[in-house]
């Protein structure tokens, strides 16, 4: 197998991990917001929807926005990898392009999930999107569980985990950035915890549910919680080290620098540096992703299954 084929497989695996993680994170965010709207029917729906758009970097426009519009754009739009359905479709195409590297069970998980989405989407329009979003979360967890239990700990597995880790940092930073801006549409701390899948883990650590800026410390600096920024950066750096990247490599260096900074960050000063820190985290992950692409995917020409480059 020549280097071009190997680079294409590496890229497909990396984007498979990223797209599945993106679908999972988007599903969690939508579910958290929907539940908050149900619990507080007096909450302004337009404000909540604009918050969702801000998190995912989508222009909300000037007209009033409702949750059905948000779901159509961020959940059901198969043409955009910013939506759940588009991300899962892209993940499936990438996995199909790397069938020799992923296990049959992983492929069957993505393929069956993709084919189940149409029925779930139709049901969501009648009875609400909760079953749809639950399916996405469960299948994403199943996919990564199968990756851990059916793949050898070789480079193929590392590219999947690297993609998942980089996307996880990006999505967590997006959530926190909207909160830190303190805009009128910013989510409250409990919603942010729920959207991160961290509400129960946080409650076990601190003995209660989050209503203070301590949530940011947990989501960024907790060493044990697998969805925290520090944990994801550590995992990404371990993957890059195992892929043979030295400390000063352009792909590993920005990840390692931010991981080290978080390891020794004074938690009492976190609130003061949080806006700049979040910006640096996003910039570092982008730099690492670009360096990974330059090093491992050096061929020329477009890749049909990669629907977007970021």
Protein backbone atom coordinates (compact mmCIF):
# COMPACT_ATOMS: atom_id res chain seq x y z
CA UNK A 1 0.00 0.00 0.00
CA UNK A 2 1.62 3.28 -1.08
CA UNK A 3 2.00 6.46 0.96
CA UNK A 4 -0.83 8.26 -0.86
CA UNK A 5 -3.30 5.52 0.08
CA UNK A 6 -2.01 5.55 3.65
CA UNK A 7 -2.41 9.32 3.89
CA UNK A 8 -5.96 9.10 2.58
CA UNK A 9 -6.83 6.46 5.17
CA UNK A 10 -5.27 8.54 7.94
CA UNK A 11 -7.32 11.56 6.90
CA UNK A 12 -10.51 9.52 6.65
CA UNK A 13 -10.01 8.10 10.13
CA UNK A 14 -9.22 11.50 11.65
CA UNK A 15 -12.34 13.06 10.15
CA UNK A 16 -14.46 10.07 11.13
CA UNK A 17 -13.50 10.71 14.75
CA UNK A 18 -14.14 14.45 14.40
CA UNK A 19 -17.51 14.14 12.69
CA UNK A 20 -18.91 11.56 15.12
CA UNK A 21 -17.78 13.72 18.05
CA UNK A 22 -19.33 16.79 16.41
CA UNK A 23 -22.66 15.03 15.96
CA UNK A 24 -22.59 13.86 19.58
CA UNK A 25 -21.69 17.29 20.97
CA UNK A 26 -24.29 19.06 18.82
CA UNK A 27 -26.94 16.59 19.94
CA UNK A 28 -26.09 17.18 23.60
CA UNK A 29 -26.24 20.95 23.16
CA UNK A 30 -29.62 20.83 21.41
CA UNK A 31 -31.04 18.46 24.00
CA UNK A 32 -29.89 20.67 26.89
CA UNK A 33 -31.49 23.76 25.36
CA UNK A 34 -34.73 21.98 24.55
CA UNK A 35 -35.07 20.76 28.13
CA UNK A 36 -34.40 24.26 29.50
CA UNK A 37 -37.15 25.65 27.28
CA UNK A 38 -39.56 22.99 28.55
CA UNK A 39 -38.65 23.65 32.18
CA UNK A 40 -38.99 27.40 31.74
CA UNK A 41 -41.77 28.12 29.21
CA UNK A 42 -41.36 31.86 29.81
CA UNK A 43 -37.81 31.82 28.49
CA UNK A 44 -37.43 33.76 25.25
CA UNK A 45 -37.18 31.15 22.47
CA UNK A 46 -35.48 33.55 20.07
CA UNK A 47 -32.77 34.33 22.64
CA UNK A 48 -32.16 30.63 23.30
CA UNK A 49 -31.95 29.87 19.58
CA UNK A 50 -29.48 32.68 19.01
CA UNK A 51 -27.35 31.23 21.78
CA UNK A 52 -27.29 27.89 19.96
CA UNK A 53 -26.29 29.58 16.73
CA UNK A 54 -23.55 31.54 18.51
CA UNK A 55 -22.06 28.37 20.01
CA UNK A 56 -21.87 26.64 16.63
CA UNK A 57 -20.74 29.71 14.72
CA UNK A 58 -23.88 30.06 12.59
CA UNK A 59 -25.25 33.46 11.55
CA UNK A 60 -28.74 33.82 13.04
CA UNK A 61 -29.72 36.73 10.82
CA UNK A 62 -32.02 39.59 11.82
CA UNK A 63 -35.41 37.84 11.82
CA UNK A 64 -36.88 35.99 14.78
CA UNK A 65 -35.65 32.41 15.15
CA UNK A 66 -37.59 29.46 16.56
CA UNK A 67 -36.50 26.01 17.66
CA UNK A 68 -37.90 24.24 14.59
CA UNK A 69 -35.69 26.38 12.38
CA UNK A 70 -32.72 25.55 14.58
CA UNK A 71 -33.45 21.82 14.39
CA UNK A 72 -33.85 21.96 10.61
CA UNK A 73 -30.47 23.66 10.30
CA UNK A 74 -28.42 22.10 13.11
CA UNK A 75 -29.92 18.60 13.31
CA UNK A 76 -31.64 17.58 10.07
CA UNK A 77 -29.64 19.28 7.31
CA UNK A 78 -27.79 16.48 5.51
CA UNK A 79 -25.94 18.96 3.29
CA UNK A 80 -23.97 20.65 6.07
CA UNK A 81 -21.40 19.01 8.32
CA UNK A 82 -22.28 21.64 10.92
CA UNK A 83 -25.50 19.69 11.51
CA UNK A 84 -25.93 16.29 13.16
CA UNK A 85 -27.17 14.55 10.05
CA UNK A 86 -24.53 16.08 7.82
CA UNK A 87 -21.74 15.21 10.26
CA UNK A 88 -22.89 11.59 10.58
CA UNK A 89 -23.21 11.30 6.81
CA UNK A 90 -19.66 12.59 6.40
CA UNK A 91 -18.43 10.22 9.12
CA UNK A 92 -20.04 7.30 7.31
CA UNK A 93 -18.43 8.25 3.98
CA UNK A 94 -15.03 8.61 5.63
CA UNK A 95 -15.37 5.25 7.41
CA UNK A 96 -16.39 3.61 4.14
CA UNK A 97 -13.24 5.02 2.54
CA UNK A 98 -11.17 3.40 5.30
CA UNK A 99 -13.01 0.08 5.57
CA UNK A 100 -9.74 -1.87 5.81
CA UNK A 101 -8.77 0.13 8.91
CA UNK A 102 -12.03 0.22 10.92
CA UNK A 103 -13.71 -2.85 12.39
CA UNK A 104 -16.87 -4.30 10.85
CA UNK A 105 -18.79 -3.43 14.00
CA UNK A 106 -17.75 0.22 13.80
CA UNK A 107 -18.83 0.40 10.17
CA UNK A 108 -22.15 -1.31 10.90
CA UNK A 109 -22.77 1.12 13.77
CA UNK A 110 -22.33 4.16 11.50
CA UNK A 111 -24.16 2.63 8.56
CA UNK A 112 -27.20 1.53 10.56
CA UNK A 113 -27.30 4.89 12.35
CA UNK A 114 -27.32 6.75 9.07
CA UNK A 115 -30.17 4.63 7.69
CA UNK A 116 -32.17 5.05 10.91
CA UNK A 117 -32.03 8.84 10.83
CA UNK A 118 -34.72 9.33 8.17
CA UNK A 119 -37.40 7.55 10.22
CA UNK A 120 -36.27 9.29 13.39
CA UNK A 121 -36.40 12.65 11.63
CA UNK A 122 -39.98 12.04 10.49
CA UNK A 123 -40.96 10.95 14.00
CA UNK A 124 -39.27 14.03 15.46
CA UNK A 125 -41.55 16.32 13.46
CA UNK A 126 -44.59 14.60 15.00
CA UNK A 127 -43.55 13.90 18.59
CA UNK A 128 -40.46 16.01 19.21
CA UNK A 129 -36.73 15.52 18.63
CA UNK A 130 -35.84 13.76 21.88
CA UNK A 131 -35.72 10.22 20.48
CA UNK A 132 -33.68 11.47 17.52
CA UNK A 133 -31.14 13.18 19.78
CA UNK A 134 -30.98 10.19 22.13
CA UNK A 135 -30.26 7.88 19.18
CA UNK A 136 -27.39 10.11 18.08
CA UNK A 137 -25.85 10.24 21.58
CA UNK A 138 -26.16 6.49 22.12
CA UNK A 139 -24.75 5.57 18.72
CA UNK A 140 -21.84 7.98 19.08
CA UNK A 141 -21.00 6.42 22.45
CA UNK A 142 -21.34 2.96 20.88
CA UNK A 143 -19.07 3.90 17.98
CA UNK A 144 -16.25 5.13 20.20
CA UNK A 145 -16.76 2.20 22.56
CA UNK A 146 -16.40 -0.17 19.60
CA UNK A 147 -13.27 1.70 18.49
CA UNK A 148 -11.77 1.11 21.93
CA UNK A 149 -12.83 -2.54 22.11
CA UNK A 150 -12.38 -3.78 18.52
CA UNK A 151 -9.39 -1.85 17.13
CA UNK A 152 -5.76 -2.61 17.85
CA UNK A 153 -3.92 0.24 19.51
CA UNK A 154 -2.13 1.06 16.29
CA UNK A 155 -1.92 4.21 14.18
CA UNK A 156 -5.45 3.71 12.79
CA UNK A 157 -6.94 3.87 16.29
CA UNK A 158 -4.75 6.85 17.16
CA UNK A 159 -6.03 8.89 14.22
CA UNK A 160 -9.65 8.23 15.24
CA UNK A 161 -8.94 9.26 18.84
CA UNK A 162 -6.88 12.28 17.73
CA UNK A 163 -9.77 13.54 15.62
CA UNK A 164 -12.23 13.03 18.47
CA UNK A 165 -9.96 14.83 20.95
CA UNK A 166 -9.38 17.90 18.75
CA UNK A 167 -13.10 18.23 18.05
CA UNK A 168 -13.93 17.80 21.74
CA UNK A 169 -11.66 20.69 22.71
CA UNK A 170 -13.16 22.88 20.00
CA UNK A 171 -16.77 22.19 21.03
CA UNK A 172 -16.09 22.77 24.73
CA UNK A 173 -14.28 26.03 23.97
CA UNK A 174 -17.22 27.17 21.82
CA UNK A 175 -19.64 26.55 24.69
CA UNK A 176 -17.51 28.42 27.20
CA UNK A 177 -16.78 31.30 24.83
CA UNK A 178 -20.45 32.18 24.51
CA UNK A 179 -20.82 32.07 28.30
CA UNK A 180 -17.75 34.24 28.87
CA UNK A 181 -18.97 36.89 26.43
CA UNK A 182 -21.92 37.31 28.81
CA UNK A 183 -24.15 38.22 25.89
CA UNK A 184 -27.93 38.37 26.36
CA UNK A 185 -28.21 34.98 24.66
CA UNK A 186 -25.44 33.29 26.70
CA UNK A 187 -26.40 29.96 28.32
CA UNK A 188 -26.57 29.73 32.10
CA UNK A 189 -24.07 27.50 33.90
CA UNK A 190 -26.44 24.53 34.46
CA UNK A 191 -27.36 24.51 30.76
CA UNK A 192 -23.69 24.64 29.84
CA UNK A 193 -22.93 21.69 32.12
CA UNK A 194 -25.78 19.66 30.67
CA UNK A 195 -24.74 20.52 27.12
CA UNK A 196 -21.25 19.19 27.93
CA UNK A 197 -22.58 15.95 29.40
CA UNK A 198 -20.90 17.00 32.64
CA UNK A 199 -23.76 17.75 35.04
CA UNK A 200 -23.63 14.47 36.97
CA UNK A 201 -19.83 14.32 37.03
CA UNK A 202 -19.70 17.90 38.32
CA UNK A 203 -22.29 17.15 41.00
CA UNK A 204 -20.26 14.20 42.25
CA UNK A 205 -17.12 16.30 42.55
CA UNK A 206 -18.66 19.42 44.09
CA UNK A 207 -21.76 18.01 45.77
CA UNK A 208 -24.22 20.15 43.85
CA UNK A 209 -25.19 21.53 40.47
CA UNK A 210 -23.27 24.32 38.87
CA UNK A 211 -24.39 27.90 39.16
CA UNK A 212 -21.02 29.64 39.36
CA UNK A 213 -17.89 30.16 37.30
CA UNK A 214 -16.42 27.05 38.96
CA UNK A 215 -18.07 25.19 36.09
CA UNK A 216 -15.45 26.66 33.75
CA UNK A 217 -12.67 25.32 35.95
CA UNK A 218 -14.21 21.84 35.85
CA UNK A 219 -14.73 21.79 32.08
CA UNK A 220 -11.26 23.12 31.34
CA UNK A 221 -8.92 21.82 34.03
CA UNK A 222 -10.38 18.62 35.52
CA UNK A 223 -7.90 15.80 34.99
CA UNK A 224 -10.37 12.95 35.44
CA UNK A 225 -13.40 14.00 33.38
CA UNK A 226 -12.93 12.69 29.80
CA UNK A 227 -14.75 15.59 28.16
CA UNK A 228 -12.65 18.29 29.83
CA UNK A 229 -10.25 20.36 27.76
CA UNK A 230 -7.21 19.20 29.73
CA UNK A 231 -8.12 15.53 29.38
CA UNK A 232 -8.74 15.88 25.63
CA UNK A 233 -5.46 17.78 25.10
CA UNK A 234 -3.56 15.13 27.06
CA UNK A 235 -5.10 12.38 24.93
CA UNK A 236 -4.33 14.23 21.70
CA UNK A 237 -0.71 14.76 22.74
CA UNK A 238 -0.35 11.09 23.65
CA UNK A 239 -1.65 10.11 20.20
CA UNK A 240 0.77 12.47 18.46
CA UNK A 241 3.68 11.19 20.56
CA UNK A 242 2.80 7.60 19.65
CA UNK A 243 2.59 8.63 15.98
CA UNK A 244 6.25 9.62 16.26
CA UNK A 245 5.90 13.36 16.57
CA UNK A 246 8.67 14.97 18.69
CA UNK A 247 7.92 17.67 21.25
CA UNK A 248 8.90 20.48 18.87
CA UNK A 249 6.81 19.13 16.00
CA UNK A 250 4.34 21.77 14.66
CA UNK A 251 1.44 19.39 15.31
CA UNK A 252 2.40 18.44 18.86
CA UNK A 253 3.93 21.69 20.10
CA UNK A 254 0.74 23.85 20.34
CA UNK A 255 -1.17 21.01 22.00
CA UNK A 256 1.62 20.33 24.49
CA UNK A 257 2.05 24.01 25.28
CA UNK A 258 -1.63 24.46 26.14
CA UNK A 259 -1.74 21.19 28.06
CA UNK A 260 1.23 22.31 30.17
CA UNK A 261 -0.32 25.71 30.77
CA UNK A 262 -3.55 24.14 32.02
CA UNK A 263 -1.65 21.71 34.23
CA UNK A 264 -0.10 24.64 36.13
CA UNK A 265 -2.85 27.24 35.76
CA UNK A 266 -3.81 28.89 39.06
CA UNK A 267 -7.52 28.09 39.40
CA UNK A 268 -8.12 31.26 41.46
CA UNK A 269 -6.95 33.38 38.53
CA UNK A 270 -8.80 31.40 35.86
CA UNK A 271 -11.76 33.77 35.62
CA UNK A 272 -9.50 36.74 34.83
CA UNK A 273 -7.61 34.98 32.03
CA UNK A 274 -10.50 32.92 30.68
CA UNK A 275 -11.35 35.01 27.58
CA UNK A 276 -7.76 35.05 26.33
CA UNK A 277 -7.22 31.42 27.34
CA UNK A 278 -10.20 30.23 25.30
CA UNK A 279 -8.95 32.12 22.27
CA UNK A 280 -5.50 30.56 22.62
CA UNK A 281 -7.00 27.09 22.98
CA UNK A 282 -8.98 27.43 19.77
CA UNK A 283 -5.99 28.86 17.90
CA UNK A 284 -3.72 26.07 19.15
CA UNK A 285 -6.11 23.32 18.12
CA UNK A 286 -6.49 24.84 14.67
CA UNK A 287 -2.71 25.09 14.31
CA UNK A 288 -2.29 21.48 15.38
CA UNK A 289 -5.00 20.24 13.01
CA UNK A 290 -3.41 22.11 10.10
CA UNK A 291 0.03 20.70 10.97
CA UNK A 292 -1.39 17.17 11.19
CA UNK A 293 -2.96 17.60 7.74
CA UNK A 294 0.30 18.94 6.28
CA UNK A 295 2.36 16.11 7.75
CA UNK A 296 0.09 13.10 7.30
CA UNK A 297 -2.17 14.07 4.36
CA UNK A 298 0.33 15.62 1.91
CA UNK A 299 -1.28 14.50 -1.36
CA UNK A 300 -2.78 16.95 -3.84
CA UNK A 301 -6.38 17.18 -4.97
CA UNK A 302 -9.79 17.25 -3.30
CA UNK A 303 -11.11 14.43 -1.17
CA UNK A 304 -14.68 13.57 -2.08
CA UNK A 305 -15.75 12.39 1.35
CA UNK A 306 -14.47 15.40 3.28
CA UNK A 307 -17.33 17.86 2.92
CA UNK A 308 -15.53 20.69 4.67
CA UNK A 309 -11.99 21.44 5.74
CA UNK A 310 -12.63 22.69 9.29
